[in-house]
Amino acid sequence: MLAKTNQKAALVVAVIAIVYLLLSFNLPGYTNALIDADVIPKGLGFLLLFFALLLYLDKKNETEADKEKRKISKQHVINLLVVAGMILIYIFLLEMIGFVVMTTVFIFVCSLYLDYKHHVTNVITSVVFSLAIYGLFNYLLKINLPAGILPF
């Protein structure tokens, strides 16, 4: 039944999609909203389930070259764990320090760690991106992001 790696992966993705869908159906509804808050999560859950089905039905056989591509070096695993640690630190400090500062620092430090060499471009990108997203959410969409230590 599970001869191919794609089929095994598809079942894992399908289980994740089903759990995600069950949780998204537990989101509270709002009577005055034209499009409710659960529309996007439910849509993403069904889309993930659809892609899991497509992956399961995939007829392509895995070659030796495909198996070689799947091998992950020790350095890549270390990089993934360090970036995951940075994400956890970002999540932990987001409320206290604020979205703009933490996002700017996260993008800059993560890019530095991943060996991006253009530091001026990195600073400009991290600051402009953080301020643009903050402005978009706080002033256009009226969704408050944590201001933290900044006065705005």
Protein backbone atom coordinates (compact mmCIF):
# COMPACT_ATOMS: atom_id res chain seq x y z
CA MET A 1 0.00 0.00 0.00
CA LEU A 2 2.75 2.49 0.87
CA ALA A 3 5.39 1.53 -1.65
CA LYS A 4 6.56 5.02 -2.48
CA THR A 5 7.97 7.75 -0.29
CA ASN A 6 5.43 10.19 -1.74
CA GLN A 7 2.60 8.02 -0.44
CA LYS A 8 4.08 7.92 3.05
CA ALA A 9 4.60 11.68 3.02
CA ALA A 10 1.07 12.20 1.67
CA LEU A 11 -0.43 10.31 4.58
CA VAL A 12 1.52 12.39 7.09
CA VAL A 13 0.42 15.60 5.34
CA ALA A 14 -3.18 14.35 5.22
CA VAL A 15 -3.19 13.68 8.98
CA ILE A 16 -1.78 17.15 9.62
CA ALA A 17 -4.43 18.65 7.29
CA ILE A 18 -7.25 16.79 9.05
CA VAL A 19 -6.09 17.90 12.50
CA TYR A 20 -5.70 21.46 11.18
CA LEU A 21 -9.23 21.34 9.71
CA LEU A 22 -10.71 20.02 12.94
CA LEU A 23 -9.08 22.87 14.84
CA SER A 24 -10.21 25.43 12.27
CA PHE A 25 -13.83 24.27 12.62
CA ASN A 26 -13.57 25.10 16.34
CA LEU A 27 -12.83 28.78 15.66
CA PRO A 28 -15.56 31.06 16.98
CA GLY A 29 -17.94 32.58 14.46
CA TYR A 30 -19.00 36.21 14.25
CA THR A 31 -22.54 37.10 13.32
CA ASN A 32 -21.79 40.54 11.84
CA ALA A 33 -18.93 39.47 9.59
CA LEU A 34 -19.50 38.98 5.90
CA ILE A 35 -16.44 36.76 5.63
CA ASP A 36 -15.75 35.04 8.91
CA ALA A 37 -12.36 34.55 10.54
CA ASP A 38 -12.40 30.83 9.81
CA VAL A 39 -12.62 31.10 6.02
CA ILE A 40 -8.87 31.28 5.35
CA PRO A 41 -7.90 28.51 7.81
CA LYS A 42 -10.58 26.18 6.46
CA GLY A 43 -9.61 26.97 2.87
CA LEU A 44 -5.94 26.30 3.61
CA GLY A 45 -6.83 23.04 5.37
CA PHE A 46 -8.86 21.77 2.43
CA LEU A 47 -6.14 22.88 0.02
CA LEU A 48 -3.53 21.00 2.06
CA LEU A 49 -5.74 17.90 2.05
CA PHE A 50 -6.18 18.20 -1.73
CA PHE A 51 -2.42 18.43 -2.27
CA ALA A 52 -1.90 15.42 0.00
CA LEU A 53 -4.29 13.48 -2.22
CA LEU A 54 -2.42 14.59 -5.35
CA LEU A 55 0.88 13.57 -3.77
CA TYR A 56 -0.54 10.16 -2.85
CA LEU A 57 -1.79 9.56 -6.39
CA ASP A 58 1.48 10.68 -8.00
CA LYS A 59 2.69 7.99 -10.43
CA LYS A 60 6.31 9.09 -10.67
CA ASN A 61 8.80 6.47 -9.50
CA GLU A 62 11.70 7.57 -7.36
CA THR A 63 15.14 7.26 -8.94
CA GLU A 64 18.51 6.96 -7.25
CA ALA A 65 19.17 10.62 -8.06
CA ASP A 66 15.96 11.56 -6.23
CA LYS A 67 17.09 9.56 -3.20
CA GLU A 68 20.42 11.37 -3.23
CA LYS A 69 18.67 14.75 -3.32
CA ARG A 70 16.81 13.85 -0.12
CA LYS A 71 19.98 13.38 1.90
CA ILE A 72 20.58 16.32 4.22
CA SER A 73 24.06 17.22 5.38
CA LYS A 74 24.90 17.77 9.04
CA GLN A 75 25.52 21.48 8.36
CA HIS A 76 22.03 21.91 6.89
CA VAL A 77 20.48 20.28 9.95
CA ILE A 78 22.46 22.61 12.21
CA ASN A 79 21.33 25.61 10.14
CA LEU A 80 17.69 24.50 10.41
CA LEU A 81 17.96 24.09 14.18
CA VAL A 82 19.65 27.47 14.66
CA VAL A 83 17.00 29.23 12.56
CA ALA A 84 14.26 27.38 14.46
CA GLY A 85 15.85 28.63 17.68
CA MET A 86 15.88 32.17 16.30
CA ILE A 87 12.18 31.84 15.47
CA LEU A 88 11.41 30.69 19.03
CA ILE A 89 13.34 33.62 20.48
CA TYR A 90 11.47 35.96 18.08
CA ILE A 91 8.11 34.58 19.22
CA PHE A 92 9.08 34.81 22.90
CA LEU A 93 10.27 38.44 22.71
CA LEU A 94 7.69 39.77 20.21
CA GLU A 95 5.18 41.04 22.79
CA MET A 96 7.80 42.58 25.08
CA ILE A 97 10.02 44.31 22.53
CA GLY A 98 7.49 44.87 19.75
CA PHE A 99 6.91 43.85 16.17
CA VAL A 100 9.03 46.45 14.38
CA VAL A 101 12.17 46.01 16.48
CA MET A 102 11.97 42.21 16.76
CA THR A 103 11.17 41.68 13.07
CA THR A 104 13.99 43.99 12.02
CA VAL A 105 16.47 42.24 14.30
CA PHE A 106 15.21 38.78 13.30
CA ILE A 107 15.53 39.42 9.56
CA PHE A 108 18.95 41.02 9.95
CA VAL A 109 20.42 38.37 12.28
CA CYS A 110 18.94 35.48 10.33
CA SER A 111 20.34 36.87 7.08
CA LEU A 112 23.74 37.35 8.72
CA TYR A 113 23.72 33.79 10.01
CA LEU A 114 22.78 32.45 6.57
CA ASP A 115 25.83 34.27 5.18
CA TYR A 116 24.19 37.13 3.29
CA LYS A 117 27.07 39.54 2.56
CA HIS A 118 25.35 42.82 1.58
CA HIS A 119 24.91 44.36 5.02
CA VAL A 120 23.58 47.76 3.91
CA THR A 121 20.93 46.11 1.76
CA ASN A 122 20.14 43.77 4.63
CA VAL A 123 19.60 46.68 7.06
CA ILE A 124 17.44 48.63 4.60
CA THR A 125 15.35 45.59 3.72
CA SER A 126 14.77 44.52 7.31
CA VAL A 127 13.79 48.04 8.46
CA VAL A 128 11.60 48.89 5.45
CA PHE A 129 9.85 45.50 5.49
CA SER A 130 9.12 45.70 9.22
CA LEU A 131 7.81 49.26 9.04
CA ALA A 132 5.73 48.53 5.93
CA ILE A 133 4.06 45.47 7.46
CA TYR A 134 3.49 47.32 10.74
CA GLY A 135 1.92 50.27 8.93
CA LEU A 136 -0.21 48.02 6.74
CA PHE A 137 -1.62 46.09 9.67
CA ASN A 138 -1.97 48.90 12.22
CA TYR A 139 -3.19 51.75 10.02
CA LEU A 140 -4.81 50.21 6.94
CA LEU A 141 -6.19 46.94 8.25
CA LYS A 142 -6.75 48.23 11.81
CA ILE A 143 -5.13 45.10 13.28
CA ASN A 144 -2.85 46.08 16.13
CA LEU A 145 0.59 44.50 16.16
CA PRO A 146 2.63 44.72 19.37
CA ALA A 147 4.27 48.14 19.61
CA GLY A 148 6.56 47.06 22.45
CA ILE A 149 9.20 49.64 23.35
CA LEU A 150 8.35 51.99 20.49
CA PRO A 151 5.92 54.84 21.19
CA PHE A 152 3.75 54.34 18.08
